[in-house]
Amino acid sequence: FTDFVSKLRSEHDLTVLMIEHDMK
């Protein structure tokens, strides 16, 4: 899923805001 979020930005030109607990 982490790789997928990076792909969202690069391929869909998206800006992303996440709430997340996993520090990795």
PDB file of all heavy atoms in Angstrom:
ATOM      1  N   PHE A   1       0.834  -1.202   0.000  1.00  0.00           N
ATOM      2  CA  PHE A   1       0.000   0.000   0.000  1.00  0.00           C
ATOM      3  C   PHE A   1       0.871   1.256   0.000  1.00  0.00           C
ATOM      4  O   PHE A   1       0.522   2.260  -0.635  1.00  0.00           O
ATOM      5  CB  PHE A   1      -0.941   0.004   1.207  1.00  0.00           C
ATOM      6  CG  PHE A   1      -2.085   0.975   1.060  1.00  0.00           C
ATOM      7  CD1 PHE A   1      -3.267   0.584   0.458  1.00  0.00           C
ATOM      8  CD2 PHE A   1      -1.970   2.284   1.499  1.00  0.00           C
ATOM      9  CE1 PHE A   1      -4.316   1.472   0.295  1.00  0.00           C
ATOM     10  CE2 PHE A   1      -3.010   3.185   1.341  1.00  0.00           C
ATOM     11  CZ  PHE A   1      -4.191   2.773   0.742  1.00  0.00           C
ATOM     12  N   THR A   2       1.992   1.215   0.678  1.00  0.00           N
ATOM     13  CA  THR A   2       2.919   2.354   0.688  1.00  0.00           C
ATOM     14  C   THR A   2       3.405   2.651  -0.729  1.00  0.00           C
ATOM     15  O   THR A   2       3.435   3.809  -1.169  1.00  0.00           O
ATOM     16  CB  THR A   2       4.108   2.070   1.614  1.00  0.00           C
ATOM     17  OG1 THR A   2       3.626   1.803   2.938  1.00  0.00           O
ATOM     18  CG2 THR A   2       5.049   3.260   1.674  1.00  0.00           C
ATOM     19  N   ASP A   3       3.775   1.603  -1.464  1.00  0.00           N
ATOM     20  CA  ASP A   3       4.188   1.779  -2.857  1.00  0.00           C
ATOM     21  C   ASP A   3       3.040   2.343  -3.692  1.00  0.00           C
ATOM     22  O   ASP A   3       3.250   3.179  -4.581  1.00  0.00           O
ATOM     23  CB  ASP A   3       4.645   0.449  -3.451  1.00  0.00           C
ATOM     24  CG  ASP A   3       5.954  -0.048  -2.833  1.00  0.00           C
ATOM     25  OD1 ASP A   3       6.684   0.777  -2.255  1.00  0.00           O
ATOM     26  OD2 ASP A   3       6.215  -1.260  -2.928  1.00  0.00           O
ATOM     27  N   PHE A   4       1.840   1.885  -3.389  1.00  0.00           N
ATOM     28  CA  PHE A   4       0.654   2.330  -4.118  1.00  0.00           C
ATOM     29  C   PHE A   4       0.412   3.827  -3.918  1.00  0.00           C
ATOM     30  O   PHE A   4       0.089   4.548  -4.869  1.00  0.00           O
ATOM     31  CB  PHE A   4      -0.552   1.518  -3.644  1.00  0.00           C
ATOM     32  CG  PHE A   4      -1.872   1.959  -4.215  1.00  0.00           C
ATOM     33  CD1 PHE A   4      -2.070   1.998  -5.585  1.00  0.00           C
ATOM     34  CD2 PHE A   4      -2.907   2.330  -3.380  1.00  0.00           C
ATOM     35  CE1 PHE A   4      -3.292   2.405  -6.112  1.00  0.00           C
ATOM     36  CE2 PHE A   4      -4.124   2.726  -3.891  1.00  0.00           C
ATOM     37  CZ  PHE A   4      -4.318   2.764  -5.267  1.00  0.00           C
ATOM     38  N   VAL A   5       0.595   4.317  -2.693  1.00  0.00           N
ATOM     39  CA  VAL A   5       0.401   5.753  -2.428  1.00  0.00           C
ATOM     40  C   VAL A   5       1.411   6.576  -3.221  1.00  0.00           C
ATOM     41  O   VAL A   5       1.068   7.619  -3.788  1.00  0.00           O
ATOM     42  CB  VAL A   5       0.510   6.049  -0.920  1.00  0.00           C
ATOM     43  CG1 VAL A   5       0.496   7.555  -0.662  1.00  0.00           C
ATOM     44  CG2 VAL A   5      -0.645   5.400  -0.160  1.00  0.00           C
ATOM     45  N   SER A   6       2.643   6.105  -3.287  1.00  0.00           N
ATOM     46  CA  SER A   6       3.648   6.806  -4.097  1.00  0.00           C
ATOM     47  C   SER A   6       3.242   6.833  -5.565  1.00  0.00           C
ATOM     48  O   SER A   6       3.437   7.839  -6.265  1.00  0.00           O
ATOM     49  CB  SER A   6       5.013   6.121  -3.954  1.00  0.00           C
ATOM     50  OG  SER A   6       5.485   6.216  -2.624  1.00  0.00           O
ATOM     51  N   LYS A   7       2.655   5.740  -6.031  1.00  0.00           N
ATOM     52  CA  LYS A   7       2.201   5.657  -7.425  1.00  0.00           C
ATOM     53  C   LYS A   7       1.041   6.621  -7.686  1.00  0.00           C
ATOM     54  O   LYS A   7       0.924   7.176  -8.786  1.00  0.00           O
ATOM     55  CB  LYS A   7       1.788   4.217  -7.752  1.00  0.00           C
ATOM     56  CG  LYS A   7       1.551   3.973  -9.233  1.00  0.00           C
ATOM     57  CD  LYS A   7       1.418   2.495  -9.548  1.00  0.00           C
ATOM     58  CE  LYS A   7       0.084   1.937  -9.090  1.00  0.00           C
ATOM     59  NZ  LYS A   7      -0.204   0.600  -9.687  1.00  0.00           N
ATOM     60  N   LEU A   8       0.195   6.826  -6.677  1.00  0.00           N
ATOM     61  CA  LEU A   8      -0.914   7.773  -6.824  1.00  0.00           C
ATOM     62  C   LEU A   8      -0.396   9.163  -7.155  1.00  0.00           C
ATOM     63  O   LEU A   8      -0.939   9.859  -8.019  1.00  0.00           O
ATOM     64  CB  LEU A   8      -1.737   7.833  -5.532  1.00  0.00           C
ATOM     65  CG  LEU A   8      -2.631   6.650  -5.201  1.00  0.00           C
ATOM     66  CD1 LEU A   8      -3.256   6.836  -3.818  1.00  0.00           C
ATOM     67  CD2 LEU A   8      -3.716   6.480  -6.242  1.00  0.00           C
ATOM     68  N   ARG A   9       0.665   9.573  -6.470  1.00  0.00           N
ATOM     69  CA  ARG A   9       1.224  10.892  -6.726  1.00  0.00           C
ATOM     70  C   ARG A   9       1.880  10.949  -8.099  1.00  0.00           C
ATOM     71  O   ARG A   9       1.652  11.883  -8.865  1.00  0.00           O
ATOM     72  CB  ARG A   9       2.240  11.276  -5.658  1.00  0.00           C
ATOM     73  CG  ARG A   9       2.982  12.566  -6.035  1.00  0.00           C
ATOM     74  CD  ARG A   9       3.765  13.166  -4.918  1.00  0.00           C
ATOM     75  NE  ARG A   9       4.827  12.311  -4.388  1.00  0.00           N
ATOM     76  CZ  ARG A   9       5.662  12.703  -3.430  1.00  0.00           C
ATOM     77  NH1 ARG A   9       5.526  13.909  -2.907  1.00  0.00           N
ATOM     78  NH2 ARG A   9       6.590  11.900  -2.978  1.00  0.00           N
ATOM     79  N   SER A  10       2.675   9.954  -8.423  1.00  0.00           N
ATOM     80  CA  SER A  10       3.457  10.020  -9.655  1.00  0.00           C
ATOM     81  C   SER A  10       2.611   9.820 -10.907  1.00  0.00           C
ATOM     82  O   SER A  10       2.846  10.472 -11.934  1.00  0.00           O
ATOM     83  CB  SER A  10       4.579   8.970  -9.626  1.00  0.00           C
ATOM     84  OG  SER A  10       4.050   7.657  -9.524  1.00  0.00           O
ATOM     85  N   GLU A  11       1.595   8.952 -10.831  1.00  0.00           N
ATOM     86  CA  GLU A  11       0.823   8.619 -12.032  1.00  0.00           C
ATOM     87  C   GLU A  11      -0.508   9.363 -12.129  1.00  0.00           C
ATOM     88  O   GLU A  11      -1.051   9.507 -13.221  1.00  0.00           O
ATOM     89  CB  GLU A  11       0.590   7.108 -12.095  1.00  0.00           C
ATOM     90  CG  GLU A  11       1.875   6.305 -12.230  1.00  0.00           C
ATOM     91  CD  GLU A  11       1.636   4.837 -12.479  1.00  0.00           C
ATOM     92  OE1 GLU A  11       0.526   4.469 -12.905  1.00  0.00           O
ATOM     93  OE2 GLU A  11       2.575   4.036 -12.233  1.00  0.00           O
ATOM     94  N   HIS A  12      -1.040   9.816 -11.003  1.00  0.00           N
ATOM     95  CA  HIS A  12      -2.318  10.533 -11.032  1.00  0.00           C
ATOM     96  C   HIS A  12      -2.156  12.005 -10.664  1.00  0.00           C
ATOM     97  O   HIS A  12      -3.155  12.721 -10.557  1.00  0.00           O
ATOM     98  CB  HIS A  12      -3.331   9.870 -10.076  1.00  0.00           C
ATOM     99  CG  HIS A  12      -4.121   8.777 -10.722  1.00  0.00           C
ATOM    100  ND1 HIS A  12      -5.451   8.907 -11.042  1.00  0.00           N
ATOM    101  CD2 HIS A  12      -3.762   7.544 -11.130  1.00  0.00           C
ATOM    102  CE1 HIS A  12      -5.882   7.795 -11.600  1.00  0.00           C
ATOM    103  NE2 HIS A  12      -4.876   6.950 -11.663  1.00  0.00           N
ATOM    104  N   ASP A  13      -0.905  12.443 -10.460  1.00  0.00           N
ATOM    105  CA  ASP A  13      -0.634  13.846 -10.136  1.00  0.00           C
ATOM    106  C   ASP A  13      -1.451  14.304  -8.929  1.00  0.00           C
ATOM    107  O   ASP A  13      -2.015  15.394  -8.910  1.00  0.00           O
ATOM    108  CB  ASP A  13      -0.938  14.730 -11.352  1.00  0.00           C
ATOM    109  CG  ASP A  13      -0.330  16.122 -11.214  1.00  0.00           C
ATOM    110  OD1 ASP A  13       0.691  16.252 -10.510  1.00  0.00           O
ATOM    111  OD2 ASP A  13      -0.892  17.079 -11.783  1.00  0.00           O
ATOM    112  N   LEU A  14      -1.513  13.435  -7.920  1.00  0.00           N
ATOM    113  CA  LEU A  14      -2.324  13.718  -6.740  1.00  0.00           C
ATOM    114  C   LEU A  14      -1.484  14.295  -5.605  1.00  0.00           C
ATOM    115  O   LEU A  14      -0.308  13.976  -5.461  1.00  0.00           O
ATOM    116  CB  LEU A  14      -2.992  12.437  -6.229  1.00  0.00           C
ATOM    117  CG  LEU A  14      -4.333  12.045  -6.831  1.00  0.00           C
ATOM    118  CD1 LEU A  14      -4.777  10.714  -6.240  1.00  0.00           C
ATOM    119  CD2 LEU A  14      -5.383  13.100  -6.572  1.00  0.00           C
ATOM    120  N   THR A  15      -2.120  15.108  -4.800  1.00  0.00           N
ATOM    121  CA  THR A  15      -1.583  15.551  -3.515  1.00  0.00           C
ATOM    122  C   THR A  15      -2.246  14.688  -2.453  1.00  0.00           C
ATOM    123  O   THR A  15      -3.457  14.426  -2.535  1.00  0.00           O
ATOM    124  CB  THR A  15      -1.889  17.035  -3.286  1.00  0.00           C
ATOM    125  OG1 THR A  15      -1.354  17.789  -4.377  1.00  0.00           O
ATOM    126  CG2 THR A  15      -1.296  17.525  -1.983  1.00  0.00           C
ATOM    127  N   VAL A  16      -1.486  14.232  -1.471  1.00  0.00           N
ATOM    128  CA  VAL A  16      -2.008  13.264  -0.498  1.00  0.00           C
ATOM    129  C   VAL A  16      -1.791  13.767   0.925  1.00  0.00           C
ATOM    130  O   VAL A  16      -0.709  14.241   1.273  1.00  0.00           O
ATOM    131  CB  VAL A  16      -1.327  11.885  -0.665  1.00  0.00           C
ATOM    132  CG1 VAL A  16      -1.858  10.889   0.373  1.00  0.00           C
ATOM    133  CG2 VAL A  16      -1.543  11.339  -2.077  1.00  0.00           C
ATOM    134  N   LEU A  17      -2.840  13.643   1.743  1.00  0.00           N
ATOM    135  CA  LEU A  17      -2.745  13.875   3.187  1.00  0.00           C
ATOM    136  C   LEU A  17      -3.159  12.596   3.893  1.00  0.00           C
ATOM    137  O   LEU A  17      -4.241  12.064   3.631  1.00  0.00           O
ATOM    138  CB  LEU A  17      -3.650  15.028   3.624  1.00  0.00           C
ATOM    139  CG  LEU A  17      -3.788  15.248   5.144  1.00  0.00           C
ATOM    140  CD1 LEU A  17      -2.441  15.592   5.772  1.00  0.00           C
ATOM    141  CD2 LEU A  17      -4.815  16.336   5.448  1.00  0.00           C
ATOM    142  N   MET A  18      -2.301  12.095   4.770  1.00  0.00           N
ATOM    143  CA  MET A  18      -2.572  10.843   5.479  1.00  0.00           C
ATOM    144  C   MET A  18      -2.580  11.031   6.981  1.00  0.00           C
ATOM    145  O   MET A  18      -1.744  11.751   7.523  1.00  0.00           O
ATOM    146  CB  MET A  18      -1.498   9.792   5.168  1.00  0.00           C
ATOM    147  CG  MET A  18      -1.469   9.244   3.783  1.00  0.00           C
ATOM    148  SD  MET A  18      -0.455   7.722   3.756  1.00  0.00           S
ATOM    149  CE  MET A  18       1.068   8.274   4.528  1.00  0.00           C
ATOM    150  N   ILE A  19      -3.525  10.372   7.650  1.00  0.00           N
ATOM    151  CA  ILE A  19      -3.389  10.079   9.074  1.00  0.00           C
ATOM    152  C   ILE A  19      -2.816   8.676   9.151  1.00  0.00           C
ATOM    153  O   ILE A  19      -3.345   7.750   8.527  1.00  0.00           O
ATOM    154  CB  ILE A  19      -4.753  10.118   9.800  1.00  0.00           C
ATOM    155  CG1 ILE A  19      -5.314  11.539   9.841  1.00  0.00           C
ATOM    156  CG2 ILE A  19      -4.616   9.569  11.220  1.00  0.00           C
ATOM    157  CD1 ILE A  19      -6.710  11.610  10.452  1.00  0.00           C
ATOM    158  N   GLU A  20      -1.737   8.514   9.871  1.00  0.00           N
ATOM    159  CA  GLU A  20      -1.084   7.208   9.896  1.00  0.00           C
ATOM    160  C   GLU A  20      -0.359   7.001  11.221  1.00  0.00           C
ATOM    161  O   GLU A  20       0.178   7.942  11.798  1.00  0.00           O
ATOM    162  CB  GLU A  20      -0.100   7.106   8.720  1.00  0.00           C
ATOM    163  CG  GLU A  20       0.575   5.768   8.561  1.00  0.00           C
ATOM    164  CD  GLU A  20      -0.392   4.607   8.487  1.00  0.00           C
ATOM    165  OE1 GLU A  20      -1.154   4.508   7.506  1.00  0.00           O
ATOM    166  OE2 GLU A  20      -0.399   3.802   9.434  1.00  0.00           O
ATOM    167  N   HIS A  21      -0.378   5.754  11.711  1.00  0.00           N
ATOM    168  CA  HIS A  21       0.331   5.413  12.952  1.00  0.00           C
ATOM    169  C   HIS A  21       1.638   4.676  12.695  1.00  0.00           C
ATOM    170  O   HIS A  21       2.529   4.676  13.545  1.00  0.00           O
ATOM    171  CB  HIS A  21      -0.561   4.545  13.860  1.00  0.00           C
ATOM    172  CG  HIS A  21      -1.529   5.336  14.678  1.00  0.00           C
ATOM    173  ND1 HIS A  21      -2.884   5.327  14.455  1.00  0.00           N
ATOM    174  CD2 HIS A  21      -1.328   6.178  15.715  1.00  0.00           C
ATOM    175  CE1 HIS A  21      -3.478   6.135  15.328  1.00  0.00           C
ATOM    176  NE2 HIS A  21      -2.557   6.656  16.106  1.00  0.00           N
ATOM    177  N   ASP A  22       1.743   4.028  11.546  1.00  0.00           N
ATOM    178  CA  ASP A  22       2.919   3.219  11.246  1.00  0.00           C
ATOM    179  C   ASP A  22       4.078   4.140  10.868  1.00  0.00           C
ATOM    180  O   ASP A  22       4.094   4.749   9.796  1.00  0.00           O
ATOM    181  CB  ASP A  22       2.606   2.252  10.101  1.00  0.00           C
ATOM    182  CG  ASP A  22       3.697   1.210   9.894  1.00  0.00           C
ATOM    183  OD1 ASP A  22       4.885   1.569  10.012  1.00  0.00           O
ATOM    184  OD2 ASP A  22       3.362   0.045   9.608  1.00  0.00           O
ATOM    185  N   MET A  23       5.089   4.223  11.740  1.00  0.00           N
ATOM    186  CA  MET A  23       6.184   5.157  11.512  1.00  0.00           C
ATOM    187  C   MET A  23       7.057   4.757  10.323  1.00  0.00           C
ATOM    188  O   MET A  23       7.680   5.607   9.690  1.00  0.00           O
ATOM    189  CB  MET A  23       7.041   5.300  12.772  1.00  0.00           C
ATOM    190  CG  MET A  23       6.357   6.047  13.905  1.00  0.00           C
ATOM    191  SD  MET A  23       5.691   7.663  13.387  1.00  0.00           S
ATOM    192  CE  MET A  23       7.179   8.539  12.920  1.00  0.00           C
ATOM    193  N   LYS A  24       7.095   3.466   9.980  1.00  0.00           N
ATOM    194  CA  LYS A  24       7.834   3.061   8.784  1.00  0.00           C
ATOM    195  C   LYS A  24       7.197   3.673   7.538  1.00  0.00           C
ATOM    196  O   LYS A  24       7.892   4.113   6.618  1.00  0.00           O
ATOM    197  CB  LYS A  24       7.862   1.533   8.670  1.00  0.00           C
ATOM    198  CG  LYS A  24       8.806   0.853   9.644  1.00  0.00           C
ATOM    199  CD  LYS A  24       8.868  -0.635   9.382  1.00  0.00           C
ATOM    200  CE  LYS A  24       9.837  -1.316  10.349  1.00  0.00           C
ATOM    201  NZ  LYS A  24       9.891  -2.789  10.102  1.00  0.00           N
TER     202      LYS A  24
END
